[in-house]
């Protein structure tokens, strides 16, 4: 029976089955990436030898694994492979994707890519070059193991999977829509899917070409990025960030459409100025191709190039503000039912607004040079890229879960989950802005004692978010056994209370030690 079920899932071409498989695997990958980040924060919260016992290479491997898994194996699959795969054919009125076998193939390419990614981090000493894969660190002189080759192959596999998904989405939207179904009456979720698919088709081949040249430099004695052989190190940065910056919009544009759909359903009317929302999404995608080099202000660009990329980076905030203002207008003049998912919409708007404001600081050339490679940059892109996308995913997940399935959660536990997520995110990432303003560099595991207070304080938010893992286990157990669900709720509350008590005592002790050090220095 089990083998029959496995074969049924493996060979299935149903978009719903494949979408559920994407969701389950991506959530598992997200849990693995979260555990990596927990070890990172535990290590950074201690001075000297922490939980990793001074193994700096292993710390770099954790940082690299966390970034690559969260971007390529969690956020992208859970949005593109999960939500869009499941709901896009239903919304356009077609029973399945236009290429169902291609859909199945894309899922197994994703599984192969994730397998190569994990193998890369478990091979020999692992790959600790950072998720950007810069050639100065990934070249054969510094990382001679097969770990880097595994990771490069995983990027190829995951990229092919995303390209196949994009072709399928575009074909389904254009070829399988209902008769007399105008483009302007598409939901904003479908528009976000379409724009995202076009972005993927145009940017992923550039990334594939860049990492292929890396593979050639490592194994075939070429010199594309080797300065001694006449190569150019900055070339890879241009190729990577030409993909890397539109990647932000690849992830967030479907979430924009999902948030707009929730507002429309809960408010029983369209979002204010839907046409402007469509134009803003298209304009964001177009401008995203012309701002990649604002990640590279410190490589020695000339003044004119800095002025151009800084100006376009500010301009991209205009269509983004259109979306934010339209959402806020819809909040004010639409009678929204205050349901559980609406609070996720409010949280998403606040998170994205705050992350966008900090992004305006980084569009200034002078400030960007000062804050480059500091924790300020980490806090900015976590608010925009990861936290806002995850909050939007949670909102859409609970929205469709409550609407389509006969499941009712306890109101207390719903808001317990919501507020734990909110306070955890705030306590985790707000202190990182202060660390960045004090020029605390990222990707280091040891630091002076002056940074101890904020680093320890951010760990408190990390453990609050950790308590939500038990809530997710409880949510899935509701589908099977109610007794297990109730017991997990009790365990979750107990673990949360223990974490809270432990961290309060831990922070009090750290603050006391920090004050003693200050008094000792002053006296």
Protein backbone atom coordinates (compact mmCIF):
# COMPACT_ATOMS: atom_id res chain seq x y z
CA UNK A 1 0.00 0.00 0.00
CA UNK A 2 2.82 2.37 0.88
CA UNK A 3 4.68 1.59 -2.36
CA UNK A 4 1.49 2.17 -4.33
CA UNK A 5 1.06 5.56 -2.65
CA UNK A 6 4.70 6.50 -3.34
CA UNK A 7 4.42 5.50 -7.01
CA UNK A 8 1.14 7.40 -7.28
CA UNK A 9 2.78 10.58 -5.99
CA UNK A 10 5.97 10.12 -8.03
CA UNK A 11 4.15 9.58 -11.32
CA UNK A 12 1.29 12.00 -10.72
CA UNK A 13 0.70 14.79 -13.23
CA UNK A 14 -2.09 16.47 -11.25
CA UNK A 15 -1.23 20.08 -10.51
CA UNK A 16 -2.79 19.80 -7.05
CA UNK A 17 -0.76 16.73 -6.08
CA UNK A 18 2.45 18.30 -7.37
CA UNK A 19 1.62 21.58 -5.62
CA UNK A 20 1.11 19.77 -2.31
CA UNK A 21 4.40 17.89 -2.80
CA UNK A 22 6.16 21.20 -3.45
CA UNK A 23 4.63 22.67 -0.30
CA UNK A 24 5.60 19.75 1.93
CA UNK A 25 9.18 19.51 0.64
CA UNK A 26 9.67 23.29 0.70
CA UNK A 27 8.38 23.54 4.27
CA UNK A 28 10.80 20.77 5.25
CA UNK A 29 13.63 22.69 3.56
CA UNK A 30 12.54 25.84 5.36
CA UNK A 31 12.70 24.02 8.68
CA UNK A 32 16.25 22.84 7.89
CA UNK A 33 17.28 26.37 6.92
CA UNK A 34 15.70 27.71 10.10
CA UNK A 35 17.70 25.28 12.24
CA UNK A 36 20.85 26.52 10.52
CA UNK A 37 19.93 30.12 11.31
CA UNK A 38 19.27 29.17 14.94
CA UNK A 39 22.82 27.85 15.25
CA UNK A 40 24.12 31.02 13.59
CA UNK A 41 22.34 33.26 16.09
CA UNK A 42 23.44 31.09 19.03
CA UNK A 43 27.05 31.34 17.89
CA UNK A 44 26.92 35.10 17.32
CA UNK A 45 25.27 35.69 20.72
CA UNK A 46 28.45 34.46 22.46
CA UNK A 47 31.94 35.94 22.49
CA UNK A 48 34.79 33.59 21.71
CA UNK A 49 34.10 29.87 21.33
CA UNK A 50 30.32 29.43 21.24
CA UNK A 51 28.15 26.48 20.36
CA UNK A 52 30.37 25.68 17.35
CA UNK A 53 33.54 25.54 19.52
CA UNK A 54 35.47 28.00 17.38
CA UNK A 55 35.04 26.12 14.09
CA UNK A 56 34.87 29.15 11.78
CA UNK A 57 34.69 27.04 8.61
CA UNK A 58 31.59 25.28 9.93
CA UNK A 59 30.09 28.68 10.76
CA UNK A 60 30.68 29.80 7.16
CA UNK A 61 29.09 26.56 5.92
CA UNK A 62 26.01 27.26 8.06
CA UNK A 63 25.73 30.80 6.70
CA UNK A 64 26.05 29.57 3.11
CA UNK A 65 23.59 26.71 3.62
CA UNK A 66 21.04 28.98 5.29
CA UNK A 67 21.09 31.50 2.45
CA UNK A 68 20.95 29.03 -0.44
CA UNK A 69 18.32 26.77 1.14
CA UNK A 70 16.04 29.62 2.15
CA UNK A 71 16.18 31.32 -1.26
CA UNK A 72 16.31 28.41 -3.71
CA UNK A 73 14.75 25.55 -1.72
CA UNK A 74 12.14 27.29 0.46
CA UNK A 75 10.85 30.70 -0.64
CA UNK A 76 10.84 30.08 -4.40
CA UNK A 77 9.35 26.53 -4.30
CA UNK A 78 6.75 27.35 -1.67
CA UNK A 79 5.44 30.32 -3.69
CA UNK A 80 6.06 29.27 -7.30
CA UNK A 81 5.85 25.50 -7.01
CA UNK A 82 3.30 25.32 -4.22
CA UNK A 83 0.74 28.13 -4.23
CA UNK A 84 0.88 29.01 -7.93
CA UNK A 85 0.95 25.37 -9.04
CA UNK A 86 -2.10 24.59 -6.95
CA UNK A 87 -4.27 27.65 -7.56
CA UNK A 88 -3.31 29.14 -10.95
CA UNK A 89 -5.15 26.55 -13.11
CA UNK A 90 -8.20 26.80 -10.84
CA UNK A 91 -8.33 30.59 -11.13
CA UNK A 92 -7.94 30.65 -14.93
CA UNK A 93 -10.61 27.94 -15.24
CA UNK A 94 -8.61 24.98 -16.54
CA UNK A 95 -8.48 21.47 -15.01
CA UNK A 96 -4.68 21.20 -15.09
CA UNK A 97 -1.47 22.76 -16.36
CA UNK A 98 -1.02 22.97 -20.12
CA UNK A 99 2.07 20.69 -19.84
CA UNK A 100 1.33 18.30 -16.96
CA UNK A 101 4.30 15.97 -17.54
CA UNK A 102 6.61 18.97 -17.68
CA UNK A 103 5.17 19.95 -14.31
CA UNK A 104 6.09 16.55 -12.88
CA UNK A 105 9.57 16.81 -14.39
CA UNK A 106 10.13 20.24 -12.82
CA UNK A 107 9.32 18.82 -9.38
CA UNK A 108 11.87 16.03 -9.71
CA UNK A 109 14.46 18.46 -11.01
CA UNK A 110 13.82 20.45 -7.85
CA UNK A 111 14.31 17.30 -5.74
CA UNK A 112 17.56 16.55 -7.56
CA UNK A 113 18.76 20.10 -6.98
CA UNK A 114 17.96 19.94 -3.29
CA UNK A 115 19.80 16.61 -3.03
CA UNK A 116 22.91 18.12 -4.65
CA UNK A 117 22.63 21.16 -2.38
CA UNK A 118 22.56 19.05 0.79
CA UNK A 119 25.38 16.85 -0.55
CA UNK A 120 27.50 19.93 -1.09
CA UNK A 121 27.23 20.93 2.55
CA UNK A 122 27.94 17.38 3.81
CA UNK A 123 30.92 16.64 1.53
CA UNK A 124 34.35 16.92 3.20
CA UNK A 125 34.59 20.26 5.03
CA UNK A 126 31.53 21.73 3.30
CA UNK A 127 31.23 24.89 1.25
CA UNK A 128 31.63 28.10 3.21
CA UNK A 129 31.84 30.78 0.53
CA UNK A 130 28.54 32.59 1.16
CA UNK A 131 25.35 32.27 -0.85
CA UNK A 132 26.64 34.72 -3.49
CA UNK A 133 29.32 32.20 -4.64
CA UNK A 134 31.96 34.87 -5.30
CA UNK A 135 34.88 33.45 -7.32
CA UNK A 136 37.59 34.74 -4.99
CA UNK A 137 36.41 32.20 -2.40
CA UNK A 138 34.95 29.44 -4.55
CA UNK A 139 38.01 29.04 -6.79
CA UNK A 140 40.04 25.83 -6.63
CA UNK A 141 42.85 27.45 -4.58
CA UNK A 142 40.62 28.12 -1.57
CA UNK A 143 37.94 25.38 -1.84
CA UNK A 144 39.41 22.33 -3.54
CA UNK A 145 36.73 19.85 -2.43
CA UNK A 146 33.80 18.56 -4.47
CA UNK A 147 31.39 20.46 -2.20
CA UNK A 148 31.47 23.55 -4.42
CA UNK A 149 30.85 21.49 -7.55
CA UNK A 150 27.82 19.87 -5.93
CA UNK A 151 26.39 23.28 -5.04
CA UNK A 152 26.99 24.64 -8.57
CA UNK A 153 25.19 21.62 -10.03
CA UNK A 154 22.33 22.17 -7.57
CA UNK A 155 21.95 25.77 -8.80
CA UNK A 156 21.66 24.40 -12.34
CA UNK A 157 19.03 21.83 -11.35
CA UNK A 158 16.97 24.33 -9.36
CA UNK A 159 17.22 26.87 -12.17
CA UNK A 160 16.00 24.36 -14.77
CA UNK A 161 13.10 23.47 -12.47
CA UNK A 162 12.10 27.13 -12.17
CA UNK A 163 12.39 27.70 -15.93
CA UNK A 164 10.15 24.70 -16.65
CA UNK A 165 7.63 26.03 -14.13
CA UNK A 166 7.70 29.45 -15.78
CA UNK A 167 7.05 28.01 -19.24
CA UNK A 168 4.16 26.00 -17.81
CA UNK A 169 2.63 29.00 -16.02
CA UNK A 170 2.84 31.27 -19.07
CA UNK A 171 1.37 28.59 -21.33
CA UNK A 172 -1.45 27.87 -18.89
CA UNK A 173 -2.36 31.52 -18.43
CA UNK A 174 -2.41 32.40 -22.13
CA UNK A 175 -3.60 29.16 -23.74
CA UNK A 176 -6.02 27.73 -21.19
CA UNK A 177 -7.96 30.74 -19.96
CA UNK A 178 -11.73 30.77 -20.29
CA UNK A 179 -13.30 32.10 -23.49
CA UNK A 180 -14.03 35.86 -23.51
CA UNK A 181 -11.79 36.18 -20.41
CA UNK A 182 -10.16 39.61 -20.77
CA UNK A 183 -6.67 40.32 -19.52
CA UNK A 184 -7.88 43.19 -17.33
CA UNK A 185 -10.28 40.97 -15.38
CA UNK A 186 -7.52 38.59 -14.33
CA UNK A 187 -6.94 38.56 -10.60
CA UNK A 188 -3.82 40.32 -9.37
CA UNK A 189 -2.51 36.93 -8.26
CA UNK A 190 -2.47 35.77 -11.90
CA UNK A 191 -0.79 39.01 -12.99
CA UNK A 192 1.89 38.53 -10.34
CA UNK A 193 2.39 34.95 -11.55
CA UNK A 194 2.74 36.08 -15.17
CA UNK A 195 5.23 38.86 -14.42
CA UNK A 196 7.25 36.55 -12.17
CA UNK A 197 7.41 33.85 -14.84
CA UNK A 198 8.71 36.33 -17.42
CA UNK A 199 11.35 37.55 -14.95
CA UNK A 200 12.50 33.98 -14.33
CA UNK A 201 12.82 33.25 -18.04
CA UNK A 202 14.96 36.35 -18.59
CA UNK A 203 17.24 36.19 -15.53
CA UNK A 204 17.89 32.53 -14.72
CA UNK A 205 19.89 31.84 -17.94
CA UNK A 206 22.25 34.66 -16.93
CA UNK A 207 22.85 33.05 -13.53
CA UNK A 208 23.29 29.65 -15.18
CA UNK A 209 25.92 31.10 -17.50
CA UNK A 210 27.77 32.72 -14.61
CA UNK A 211 27.99 29.57 -12.47
CA UNK A 212 28.89 27.48 -15.55
CA UNK A 213 31.94 29.70 -16.04
CA UNK A 214 32.76 29.09 -12.36
CA UNK A 215 32.57 25.35 -12.97
CA UNK A 216 34.91 25.70 -15.95
CA UNK A 217 37.41 27.73 -13.93
CA UNK A 218 37.44 25.08 -11.21
CA UNK A 219 37.71 21.97 -13.38
CA UNK A 220 38.87 22.84 -16.92
CA UNK A 221 41.69 25.32 -16.24
CA UNK A 222 39.93 28.30 -17.80
CA UNK A 223 40.44 31.87 -16.57
CA UNK A 224 37.13 33.64 -16.90
CA UNK A 225 37.38 34.99 -13.33
CA UNK A 226 41.12 34.52 -12.74
CA UNK A 227 42.95 37.85 -12.86
CA UNK A 228 46.30 36.13 -13.43
CA UNK A 229 44.96 34.55 -16.63
CA UNK A 230 43.32 37.75 -17.88
CA UNK A 231 39.91 37.20 -16.31
CA UNK A 232 37.70 39.67 -14.47
CA UNK A 233 36.38 39.12 -10.94
CA UNK A 234 33.77 41.83 -11.27
CA UNK A 235 32.22 40.03 -14.26
CA UNK A 236 30.71 37.38 -12.00
CA UNK A 237 29.24 40.05 -9.72
CA UNK A 238 27.53 41.65 -12.71
CA UNK A 239 26.15 38.29 -13.87
CA UNK A 240 25.04 37.24 -10.39
CA UNK A 241 23.34 40.48 -9.40
CA UNK A 242 21.62 40.78 -12.77
CA UNK A 243 19.74 37.75 -11.49
CA UNK A 244 20.01 38.53 -7.78
CA UNK A 245 18.10 41.79 -7.71
CA UNK A 246 15.15 40.69 -9.89
CA UNK A 247 15.08 37.61 -7.65
CA UNK A 248 13.61 39.84 -4.94
CA UNK A 249 10.69 40.72 -7.21
CA UNK A 250 10.40 37.11 -8.43
CA UNK A 251 9.64 36.15 -4.85
CA UNK A 252 7.56 39.13 -3.74
CA UNK A 253 5.35 39.81 -6.80
CA UNK A 254 3.21 36.65 -6.37
CA UNK A 255 2.87 37.59 -2.69
CA UNK A 256 1.65 41.04 -3.80
CA UNK A 257 -1.05 39.33 -5.85
CA UNK A 258 -1.91 36.99 -2.99
CA UNK A 259 -2.30 39.87 -0.53
CA UNK A 260 -4.53 41.73 -3.01
CA UNK A 261 -6.66 38.60 -3.46
CA UNK A 262 -7.19 38.29 0.29
CA UNK A 263 -8.27 41.95 0.49
CA UNK A 264 -10.69 41.47 -2.41
CA UNK A 265 -12.26 38.33 -0.91
CA UNK A 266 -12.54 39.66 2.63
CA UNK A 267 -13.74 43.11 1.53
CA UNK A 268 -16.18 41.86 -1.17
CA UNK A 269 -14.82 44.39 -3.67
CA UNK A 270 -11.77 44.95 -5.85
CA UNK A 271 -8.64 46.57 -4.53
CA UNK A 272 -8.59 50.30 -5.18
CA UNK A 273 -7.34 51.04 -8.74
CA UNK A 274 -6.61 47.53 -9.99
CA UNK A 275 -5.23 48.86 -13.29
CA UNK A 276 -2.66 50.95 -11.42
CA UNK A 277 -1.71 47.86 -9.43
CA UNK A 278 -1.10 45.94 -12.67
CA UNK A 279 0.97 48.75 -14.16
CA UNK A 280 3.00 49.04 -10.96
CA UNK A 281 3.85 45.32 -10.99
CA UNK A 282 4.97 45.51 -14.62
CA UNK A 283 6.97 48.68 -13.95
CA UNK A 284 8.66 47.11 -10.91
CA UNK A 285 9.70 44.16 -13.07
CA UNK A 286 11.05 46.40 -15.86
CA UNK A 287 13.01 48.69 -13.53
CA UNK A 288 14.38 45.65 -11.70
CA UNK A 289 16.58 44.91 -14.73
CA UNK A 290 18.38 48.27 -14.48
CA UNK A 291 19.39 48.48 -10.81
CA UNK A 292 21.56 45.39 -10.26
CA UNK A 293 24.82 47.31 -9.76
CA UNK A 294 23.64 49.14 -6.63
CA UNK A 295 24.90 45.98 -4.87
CA UNK A 296 28.37 46.78 -6.23
CA UNK A 297 29.05 50.39 -5.26
CA UNK A 298 32.27 49.37 -3.45
CA UNK A 299 33.97 47.62 -6.41
CA UNK A 300 35.37 50.88 -7.83
CA UNK A 301 32.61 52.10 -10.14
CA UNK A 302 32.93 55.54 -11.67
CA UNK A 303 30.86 58.45 -10.37
CA UNK A 304 28.43 58.52 -13.32
CA UNK A 305 27.58 54.82 -12.95
CA UNK A 306 27.01 55.26 -9.22
CA UNK A 307 24.72 58.23 -9.86
CA UNK A 308 22.73 56.30 -12.48
CA UNK A 309 22.19 53.14 -10.42
CA UNK A 310 21.43 55.14 -7.28
CA UNK A 311 18.80 57.22 -9.11
CA UNK A 312 17.08 54.19 -10.66
CA UNK A 313 17.10 52.47 -7.26
CA UNK A 314 15.12 55.40 -5.86
CA UNK A 315 12.75 55.41 -8.86
CA UNK A 316 11.79 51.79 -8.26
CA UNK A 317 10.20 52.92 -5.02
CA UNK A 318 7.51 54.87 -6.92
CA UNK A 319 5.53 51.88 -8.28
CA UNK A 320 6.03 50.16 -4.94
CA UNK A 321 4.47 53.14 -3.17
CA UNK A 322 1.48 52.93 -5.55
CA UNK A 323 0.81 49.42 -4.31
CA UNK A 324 1.20 50.39 -0.66
CA UNK A 325 -1.08 53.43 -0.98
CA UNK A 326 -3.74 51.41 -2.81
CA UNK A 327 -3.70 48.77 -0.10
CA UNK A 328 -3.97 51.39 2.63
CA UNK A 329 -6.83 53.10 0.80
CA UNK A 330 -8.57 49.72 0.58
CA UNK A 331 -8.07 49.26 4.32
CA UNK A 332 -9.69 52.62 5.07
CA UNK A 333 -12.64 52.55 2.69
CA UNK A 334 -13.48 48.85 2.57
CA UNK A 335 -15.46 47.08 5.26
CA UNK A 336 -12.92 44.33 5.85
CA UNK A 337 -13.92 41.45 8.08
CA UNK A 338 -11.36 41.24 10.89
CA UNK A 339 -10.51 37.61 10.34
CA UNK A 340 -7.28 35.82 11.11
CA UNK A 341 -5.75 36.23 7.65
CA UNK A 342 -6.44 39.98 7.53
CA UNK A 343 -4.03 40.47 10.42
CA UNK A 344 -1.37 38.77 8.32
CA UNK A 345 -2.14 41.28 5.55
CA UNK A 346 -1.63 44.17 7.99
CA UNK A 347 1.61 42.59 9.21
CA UNK A 348 2.85 42.12 5.65
CA UNK A 349 2.22 45.77 4.75
CA UNK A 350 4.04 46.98 7.87
CA UNK A 351 7.00 44.67 7.32
CA UNK A 352 7.35 45.54 3.65
CA UNK A 353 6.94 49.27 4.35
CA UNK A 354 9.67 49.25 6.97
CA UNK A 355 11.99 47.17 4.79
CA UNK A 356 11.37 49.49 1.85
CA UNK A 357 12.23 52.57 3.92
CA UNK A 358 15.54 51.03 5.00
CA UNK A 359 16.16 50.21 1.33
CA UNK A 360 16.00 53.91 0.50
CA UNK A 361 18.98 54.44 2.80
CA UNK A 362 20.96 51.86 0.82
CA UNK A 363 20.10 53.50 -2.51
CA UNK A 364 22.21 56.48 -1.40
CA UNK A 365 25.75 55.84 -2.63
CA UNK A 366 27.50 57.34 0.38
CA UNK A 367 25.39 55.51 2.94
CA UNK A 368 25.60 52.27 0.99
CA UNK A 369 29.40 52.38 1.03
CA UNK A 370 29.35 52.93 4.79
CA UNK A 371 26.76 50.22 5.49
CA UNK A 372 27.98 47.69 2.91
CA UNK A 373 28.46 44.16 4.32
CA UNK A 374 27.09 45.15 7.73
CA UNK A 375 24.14 43.80 9.69
CA UNK A 376 22.04 46.72 8.45
CA UNK A 377 21.96 45.09 5.00
CA UNK A 378 20.99 41.75 6.56
CA UNK A 379 18.11 43.35 8.47
CA UNK A 380 16.92 45.17 5.34
CA UNK A 381 16.70 42.21 3.00
CA UNK A 382 15.28 39.93 5.69
CA UNK A 383 12.40 42.36 6.22
CA UNK A 384 11.75 42.71 2.48
CA UNK A 385 12.69 39.34 1.04
CA UNK A 386 12.17 36.67 3.67
CA UNK A 387 9.93 37.93 6.48
CA UNK A 388 7.44 39.77 4.26
CA UNK A 389 7.27 36.81 1.86
CA UNK A 390 6.78 34.29 4.69
CA UNK A 391 4.10 36.43 6.35
CA UNK A 392 2.31 36.77 3.01
CA UNK A 393 2.54 33.01 2.49
CA UNK A 394 1.07 32.37 5.94
CA UNK A 395 -1.77 34.76 5.17
CA UNK A 396 -2.58 33.02 1.89
CA UNK A 397 -2.19 29.57 3.43
CA UNK A 398 -4.62 30.25 6.26
CA UNK A 399 -6.97 32.10 3.91
CA UNK A 400 -7.37 29.15 1.56
CA UNK A 401 -7.24 26.66 4.43
CA UNK A 402 -10.20 28.25 6.21
CA UNK A 403 -12.17 28.83 3.01
CA UNK A 404 -11.76 25.47 1.29
CA UNK A 405 -11.37 22.99 4.15
CA UNK A 406 -13.83 22.39 7.03
CA UNK A 407 -11.24 23.19 9.68
CA UNK A 408 -11.67 25.60 12.55
CA UNK A 409 -8.76 26.44 14.81
CA UNK A 410 -9.06 27.79 18.32
CA UNK A 411 -9.07 31.60 18.24
CA UNK A 412 -6.65 31.84 21.17
CA UNK A 413 -4.01 29.72 19.44
CA UNK A 414 -4.45 31.57 16.17
CA UNK A 415 -3.60 34.91 17.75
CA UNK A 416 -0.94 33.32 19.94
CA UNK A 417 0.79 32.23 16.72
CA UNK A 418 0.29 35.67 15.15
CA UNK A 419 1.67 37.70 18.03
CA UNK A 420 4.58 35.32 18.64
CA UNK A 421 5.57 35.72 15.01
CA UNK A 422 5.25 39.51 15.19
CA UNK A 423 7.24 39.98 18.41
CA UNK A 424 9.80 37.38 17.36
CA UNK A 425 10.51 39.14 14.07
CA UNK A 426 10.70 42.57 15.71
CA UNK A 427 13.01 41.40 18.51
CA UNK A 428 15.20 39.45 16.10
CA UNK A 429 15.77 41.93 13.28
CA UNK A 430 15.35 45.40 14.80
CA UNK A 431 18.57 45.10 16.88
CA UNK A 432 20.45 44.18 13.70
CA UNK A 433 19.83 47.71 12.37
CA UNK A 434 21.63 49.14 15.39
CA UNK A 435 24.50 46.69 14.96
CA UNK A 436 24.78 47.73 11.33
CA UNK A 437 24.84 51.42 12.21
CA UNK A 438 27.76 50.61 14.54
CA UNK A 439 29.54 49.00 11.52
CA UNK A 440 29.22 45.44 12.79
CA UNK A 441 30.33 43.29 9.79
CA UNK A 442 28.34 40.25 8.79
CA UNK A 443 29.70 36.71 8.27
CA UNK A 444 31.87 36.82 11.40
CA UNK A 445 31.37 34.69 14.49
CA UNK A 446 33.52 36.62 16.98
CA UNK A 447 33.46 40.31 17.82
CA UNK A 448 34.36 42.89 20.50
CA UNK A 449 32.39 43.03 23.72
CA UNK A 450 30.78 46.35 22.74
CA UNK A 451 28.43 44.48 20.35
CA UNK A 452 27.39 41.89 22.93
CA UNK A 453 24.17 43.53 24.14
CA UNK A 454 22.37 43.80 20.78
CA UNK A 455 23.60 40.39 19.60
CA UNK A 456 22.24 38.70 22.72
CA UNK A 457 19.00 40.65 22.53
CA UNK A 458 18.31 39.47 18.97
CA UNK A 459 18.61 35.84 20.09
CA UNK A 460 15.51 36.34 22.23
CA UNK A 461 13.43 36.92 19.12
CA UNK A 462 14.92 33.82 17.50
CA UNK A 463 13.71 31.59 20.30
CA UNK A 464 10.22 33.10 20.24
CA UNK A 465 9.96 32.17 16.57
CA UNK A 466 11.24 28.68 17.47
CA UNK A 467 8.15 28.10 19.58
CA UNK A 468 6.03 28.42 16.41
CA UNK A 469 7.45 25.17 15.03
CA UNK A 470 5.32 23.26 17.50
CA UNK A 471 2.27 25.21 16.38
CA UNK A 472 2.90 24.10 12.78
CA UNK A 473 3.14 20.50 14.00
CA UNK A 474 -0.15 21.01 15.83
CA UNK A 475 -1.75 22.45 12.70
CA UNK A 476 -0.86 19.41 10.63
CA UNK A 477 -1.93 17.01 13.36
CA UNK A 478 -5.44 18.53 13.31
CA UNK A 479 -5.96 16.74 10.01
CA UNK A 480 -5.45 13.38 11.75
CA UNK A 481 -5.94 13.17 15.52
CA UNK A 482 -7.53 15.79 17.76
CA UNK A 483 -5.90 14.33 20.90
CA UNK A 484 -2.43 14.77 19.41
CA UNK A 485 -3.34 18.35 18.49
CA UNK A 486 -4.39 19.21 22.05
CA UNK A 487 -1.29 17.57 23.53
CA UNK A 488 0.96 19.47 21.13
CA UNK A 489 -0.74 22.72 22.08
CA UNK A 490 0.06 22.04 25.73
CA UNK A 491 3.66 21.13 24.86
CA UNK A 492 3.99 24.27 22.75
CA UNK A 493 2.80 26.50 25.58
CA UNK A 494 5.17 24.76 28.02
CA UNK A 495 8.19 25.06 25.74
CA UNK A 496 7.37 28.71 25.03
CA UNK A 497 7.16 29.45 28.75
CA UNK A 498 10.48 27.68 29.39
CA UNK A 499 12.16 29.58 26.54
CA UNK A 500 10.75 32.86 27.80
CA UNK A 501 11.92 32.27 31.37
CA UNK A 502 15.34 31.08 30.26
CA UNK A 503 15.92 34.02 27.93
CA UNK A 504 14.82 36.61 30.48
CA UNK A 505 17.33 35.23 32.97
CA UNK A 506 19.97 34.95 30.26
CA UNK A 507 19.52 38.57 29.18
CA UNK A 508 19.54 39.85 32.75
CA UNK A 509 22.81 38.02 33.39
CA UNK A 510 24.32 39.31 30.16
CA UNK A 511 23.29 42.90 30.88
CA UNK A 512 24.74 42.63 34.39
CA UNK A 513 28.05 41.33 32.98
CA UNK A 514 28.07 44.04 30.34
CA UNK A 515 27.54 46.78 32.95
CA UNK A 516 30.36 45.38 35.07
CA UNK A 517 32.70 45.51 32.07
CA UNK A 518 31.74 49.13 31.38
CA UNK A 519 32.32 50.11 35.01
CA UNK A 520 35.66 48.32 34.98
CA UNK A 521 36.72 50.21 31.83
CA UNK A 522 35.57 53.57 33.23
CA UNK A 523 37.25 53.06 36.58
